[in-house]
C-alpha atoms as a PDB file:
ATOM      1  CA  MET A   1      28.630 -54.264 -56.458  1.00  0.00           C
ATOM      2  CA  THR A   2      30.678 -56.888 -54.663  1.00  0.00           C
ATOM      3  CA  ALA A   3      30.527 -57.368 -50.924  1.00  0.00           C
ATOM      4  CA  PRO A   4      33.245 -55.599 -48.965  1.00  0.00           C
ATOM      5  CA  SER A   5      36.107 -57.653 -47.607  1.00  0.00           C
ATOM      6  CA  PRO A   6      35.436 -59.162 -44.175  1.00  0.00           C
ATOM      7  CA  LEU A   7      38.798 -57.702 -43.159  1.00  0.00           C
ATOM      8  CA  LEU A   8      37.282 -54.220 -43.198  1.00  0.00           C
ATOM      9  CA  ALA A   9      35.144 -54.902 -40.112  1.00  0.00           C
ATOM     10  CA  PRO A  10      38.042 -55.413 -37.670  1.00  0.00           C
ATOM     11  CA  MET A  11      39.882 -52.473 -39.234  1.00  0.00           C
ATOM     12  CA  VAL A  12      36.919 -50.132 -38.821  1.00  0.00           C
ATOM     13  CA  THR A  13      36.308 -51.466 -35.307  1.00  0.00           C
ATOM     14  CA  LEU A  14      39.850 -50.557 -34.239  1.00  0.00           C
ATOM     15  CA  ILE A  15      39.471 -47.115 -35.805  1.00  0.00           C
ATOM     16  CA  LEU A  16      36.265 -46.550 -33.829  1.00  0.00           C
ATOM     17  CA  TRP A  17      37.892 -47.883 -30.658  1.00  0.00           C
ATOM     18  CA  SER A  18      40.815 -45.490 -31.104  1.00  0.00           C
ATOM     19  CA  LEU A  19      38.384 -42.591 -31.421  1.00  0.00           C
ATOM     20  CA  ALA A  20      36.508 -43.780 -28.324  1.00  0.00           C
ATOM     21  CA  MET A  21      39.804 -43.819 -26.403  1.00  0.00           C
ATOM     22  CA  MET A  22      40.534 -40.304 -27.658  1.00  0.00           C
ATOM     23  CA  ILE A  23      37.193 -39.102 -26.295  1.00  0.00           C
ATOM     24  CA  TRP A  24      37.770 -40.917 -22.980  1.00  0.00           C
ATOM     25  CA  MET A  25      41.216 -39.320 -22.771  1.00  0.00           C
ATOM     26  CA  TYR A  26      39.874 -35.791 -23.271  1.00  0.00           C
ATOM     27  CA  VAL A  27      36.863 -36.288 -21.007  1.00  0.00           C
ATOM     28  CA  THR A  28      39.199 -37.223 -18.149  1.00  0.00           C
ATOM     29  CA  ARG A  29      42.262 -35.183 -19.026  1.00  0.00           C
ATOM     30  CA  LEU A  30      40.787 -31.722 -19.609  1.00  0.00           C
ATOM     31  CA  PRO A  31      39.017 -31.518 -16.223  1.00  0.00           C
ATOM     32  CA  ALA A  32      42.171 -32.850 -14.520  1.00  0.00           C
ATOM     33  CA  MET A  33      44.225 -30.178 -16.255  1.00  0.00           C
ATOM     34  CA  ARG A  34      41.836 -27.499 -15.004  1.00  0.00           C
ATOM     35  CA  ARG A  35      42.018 -28.889 -11.460  1.00  0.00           C
ATOM     36  CA  ALA A  36      45.830 -28.919 -11.655  1.00  0.00           C
ATOM     37  CA  GLY A  37      45.906 -25.332 -12.906  1.00  0.00           C
ATOM     38  CA  VAL A  38      47.440 -26.217 -16.272  1.00  0.00           C
ATOM     39  CA  GLN A  39      46.760 -23.354 -18.661  1.00  0.00           C
ATOM     40  CA  VAL A  40      46.740 -24.113 -22.370  1.00  0.00           C
ATOM     41  CA  LYS A  41      45.663 -20.720 -23.690  1.00  0.00           C
ATOM     42  CA  GLY A  42      48.639 -18.876 -25.147  1.00  0.00           C
ATOM     43  CA  ARG A  43      51.042 -21.807 -24.660  1.00  0.00           C
ATOM     44  CA  LYS A  44      53.245 -22.912 -27.502  1.00  0.00           C
ATOM     45  CA  GLY A  45      53.453 -26.470 -26.256  1.00  0.00           C
ATOM     46  CA  LEU A  46      54.693 -28.716 -23.514  1.00  0.00           C
ATOM     47  CA  LYS A  47      57.635 -31.062 -23.507  1.00  0.00           C
ATOM     48  CA  PRO A  48      56.564 -34.684 -23.883  1.00  0.00           C
ATOM     49  CA  GLY A  49      55.859 -36.184 -20.485  1.00  0.00           C
ATOM     50  CA  THR A  50      55.315 -32.831 -18.743  1.00  0.00           C
ATOM     51  CA  LEU A  51      51.741 -33.693 -17.820  1.00  0.00           C
ATOM     52  CA  ASP A  52      52.910 -36.979 -16.283  1.00  0.00           C
ATOM     53  CA  SER A  53      54.380 -35.017 -13.394  1.00  0.00           C
ATOM     54  CA  VAL A  54      51.288 -32.806 -12.999  1.00  0.00           C
ATOM     55  CA  LEU A  55      48.242 -35.005 -13.576  1.00  0.00           C
ATOM     56  CA  PRO A  56      47.180 -38.134 -11.678  1.00  0.00           C
ATOM     57  CA  GLU A  57      48.454 -41.431 -13.081  1.00  0.00           C
ATOM     58  CA  GLN A  58      44.928 -42.715 -13.689  1.00  0.00           C
ATOM     59  CA  VAL A  59      44.243 -39.736 -15.955  1.00  0.00           C
ATOM     60  CA  GLN A  60      47.467 -40.177 -17.890  1.00  0.00           C
ATOM     61  CA  TRP A  61      46.879 -43.901 -18.424  1.00  0.00           C
ATOM     62  CA  LYS A  62      44.180 -43.070 -20.962  1.00  0.00           C
ATOM     63  CA  ALA A  63      46.483 -40.637 -22.774  1.00  0.00           C
ATOM     64  CA  HIS A  64      49.308 -43.160 -22.844  1.00  0.00           C
ATOM     65  CA  ASN A  65      46.992 -45.795 -24.264  1.00  0.00           C
ATOM     66  CA  TYR A  66      45.710 -43.439 -26.931  1.00  0.00           C
ATOM     67  CA  GLY A  67      49.330 -42.855 -27.930  1.00  0.00           C
ATOM     68  CA  HIS A  68      49.886 -46.607 -28.101  1.00  0.00           C
ATOM     69  CA  LEU A  69      46.880 -46.912 -30.417  1.00  0.00           C
ATOM     70  CA  MET A  70      48.626 -44.508 -32.797  1.00  0.00           C
ATOM     71  CA  GLU A  71      51.791 -46.617 -32.888  1.00  0.00           C
ATOM     72  CA  GLN A  72      51.684 -50.373 -33.622  1.00  0.00           C
ATOM     73  CA  PRO A  73      48.138 -50.381 -35.059  1.00  0.00           C
ATOM     74  CA  THR A  74      49.426 -48.377 -38.017  1.00  0.00           C
ATOM     75  CA  ILE A  75      51.208 -51.572 -39.070  1.00  0.00           C
ATOM     76  CA  PHE A  76      47.898 -53.423 -38.619  1.00  0.00           C
ATOM     77  CA  TYR A  77      46.059 -50.970 -40.898  1.00  0.00           C
ATOM     78  CA  ALA A  78      48.737 -51.231 -43.581  1.00  0.00           C
ATOM     79  CA  THR A  79      48.800 -55.032 -43.361  1.00  0.00           C
ATOM     80  CA  ILE A  80      45.017 -55.297 -43.575  1.00  0.00           C
ATOM     81  CA  ALA A  81      44.979 -52.920 -46.540  1.00  0.00           C
ATOM     82  CA  ALA A  82      47.647 -55.029 -48.271  1.00  0.00           C
ATOM     83  CA  LEU A  83      45.666 -58.235 -47.637  1.00  0.00           C
ATOM     84  CA  ILE A  84      42.514 -56.612 -49.002  1.00  0.00           C
ATOM     85  CA  PHE A  85      44.326 -55.284 -52.104  1.00  0.00           C
ATOM     86  CA  MET A  86      45.722 -58.776 -52.757  1.00  0.00           C
ATOM     87  CA  GLY A  87      42.287 -60.337 -52.259  1.00  0.00           C
ATOM     88  CA  PHE A  88      43.652 -62.525 -49.461  1.00  0.00           C
ATOM     89  CA  ASP A  89      40.839 -62.275 -46.955  1.00  0.00           C
ATOM     90  CA  ALA A  90      40.920 -65.954 -46.036  1.00  0.00           C
ATOM     91  CA  TRP A  91      39.132 -66.964 -42.838  1.00  0.00           C
ATOM     92  CA  ILE A  92      42.414 -67.334 -40.924  1.00  0.00           C
ATOM     93  CA  ASN A  93      43.311 -63.715 -41.670  1.00  0.00           C
ATOM     94  CA  VAL A  94      39.870 -62.529 -40.607  1.00  0.00           C
ATOM     95  CA  TRP A  95      40.192 -64.424 -37.327  1.00  0.00           C
ATOM     96  CA  LEU A  96      43.716 -63.108 -36.748  1.00  0.00           C
ATOM     97  CA  ALA A  97      42.527 -59.562 -37.453  1.00  0.00           C
ATOM     98  CA  TRP A  98      39.642 -59.912 -34.983  1.00  0.00           C
ATOM     99  CA  GLY A  99      42.069 -61.451 -32.482  1.00  0.00           C
ATOM    100  CA  TYR A 100      44.366 -58.461 -32.843  1.00  0.00           C
ATOM    101  CA  VAL A 101      41.524 -55.982 -32.424  1.00  0.00           C
ATOM    102  CA  GLY A 102      39.977 -57.813 -29.472  1.00  0.00           C
ATOM    103  CA  LEU A 103      43.311 -58.066 -27.674  1.00  0.00           C
ATOM    104  CA  ARG A 104      44.069 -54.385 -28.308  1.00  0.00           C
ATOM    105  CA  ILE A 105      40.691 -53.378 -26.899  1.00  0.00           C
ATOM    106  CA  VAL A 106      41.255 -55.489 -23.780  1.00  0.00           C
ATOM    107  CA  HIS A 107      44.776 -54.020 -23.528  1.00  0.00           C
ATOM    108  CA  SER A 108      43.268 -50.528 -23.661  1.00  0.00           C
ATOM    109  CA  LEU A 109      40.750 -51.304 -20.943  1.00  0.00           C
ATOM    110  CA  VAL A 110      43.445 -52.783 -18.707  1.00  0.00           C
ATOM    111  CA  GLN A 111      45.820 -49.865 -19.260  1.00  0.00           C
ATOM    112  CA  ALA A 112      43.129 -47.213 -18.816  1.00  0.00           C
ATOM    113  CA  THR A 113      41.714 -48.697 -15.601  1.00  0.00           C
ATOM    114  CA  ILE A 114      44.044 -50.887 -13.519  1.00  0.00           C
ATOM    115  CA  ASN A 115      47.249 -50.598 -15.601  1.00  0.00           C
ATOM    116  CA  LEU A 116      48.607 -53.945 -14.461  1.00  0.00           C
ATOM    117  CA  ILE A 117      51.878 -54.180 -16.417  1.00  0.00           C
ATOM    118  CA  PRO A 118      52.293 -58.011 -16.492  1.00  0.00           C
ATOM    119  CA  LEU A 119      48.747 -58.400 -17.872  1.00  0.00           C
ATOM    120  CA  ARG A 120      49.281 -55.608 -20.389  1.00  0.00           C
ATOM    121  CA  PHE A 121      52.510 -57.282 -21.509  1.00  0.00           C
ATOM    122  CA  VAL A 122      50.780 -60.633 -22.141  1.00  0.00           C
ATOM    123  CA  LEU A 123      47.996 -58.911 -24.085  1.00  0.00           C
ATOM    124  CA  PHE A 124      50.541 -56.926 -26.100  1.00  0.00           C
ATOM    125  CA  ILE A 125      52.571 -60.035 -26.949  1.00  0.00           C
ATOM    126  CA  LEU A 126      49.466 -61.987 -27.983  1.00  0.00           C
ATOM    127  CA  SER A 127      48.211 -59.143 -30.172  1.00  0.00           C
ATOM    128  CA  SER A 128      51.687 -58.739 -31.661  1.00  0.00           C
ATOM    129  CA  LEU A 129      51.704 -62.435 -32.567  1.00  0.00           C
ATOM    130  CA  CYS A 130      48.402 -61.947 -34.400  1.00  0.00           C
ATOM    131  CA  LEU A 131      49.890 -58.985 -36.267  1.00  0.00           C
ATOM    132  CA  LEU A 132      53.087 -60.861 -37.076  1.00  0.00           C
ATOM    133  CA  SER A 133      51.028 -63.757 -38.450  1.00  0.00           C
ATOM    134  CA  LEU A 134      49.012 -61.391 -40.639  1.00  0.00           C
ATOM    135  CA  ALA A 135      52.182 -59.767 -41.977  1.00  0.00           C
ATOM    136  CA  ILE A 136      53.765 -63.152 -42.694  1.00  0.00           C
ATOM    137  CA  HIS A 137      50.602 -64.283 -44.494  1.00  0.00           C
ATOM    138  CA  ALA A 138      50.699 -61.127 -46.618  1.00  0.00           C
ATOM    139  CA  ALA A 139      54.382 -61.631 -47.449  1.00  0.00           C
ATOM    140  CA  LEU A 140      53.921 -65.319 -48.309  1.00  0.00           C
ATOM    141  CA  PHE A 141      50.888 -64.597 -50.467  1.00  0.00           C
ATOM    142  CA  LEU A 142      52.780 -61.879 -52.315  1.00  0.00           C
ATOM    143  CA  TRP A 143      55.808 -64.120 -52.731  1.00  0.00           C
ATOM    144  CA  HIS A 144      53.729 -66.969 -54.149  1.00  0.00           C
ATOM    145  CA  HIS A 145      51.428 -64.844 -56.297  1.00  0.00           C
ATOM    146  CA  GLY A 146      53.470 -61.725 -57.016  1.00  0.00           C
END
């Protein structure tokens, strides 16, 4: 059996981080919903953003971040999968993948705790540059070898 691609480690790390954020969201959100008198039993659903007007900002920050982890990182997972399928797990791609994951984790911690928008923006841009580089590497590799 061959060794797994080193690109799998950052991918699995971001998956685990996303699940950790989901747990953090529920651990803070459910008690806050009880305190606010939000009943979920028998409800068919809430309009998006409804809880923003009911729950404290600090509680919602975790939920917003969890939502963010379900958005752009899907492109990361697809890009990493493509790089692995092509066998293009060069060291630069591994470093870019770890850079993306590390920056997303720091972004999560900032958003879930102090939610300082200028800092979040810098972290988002830097992580996006890592992702863009990975996608360009995948496209160039495919173009040259496809």
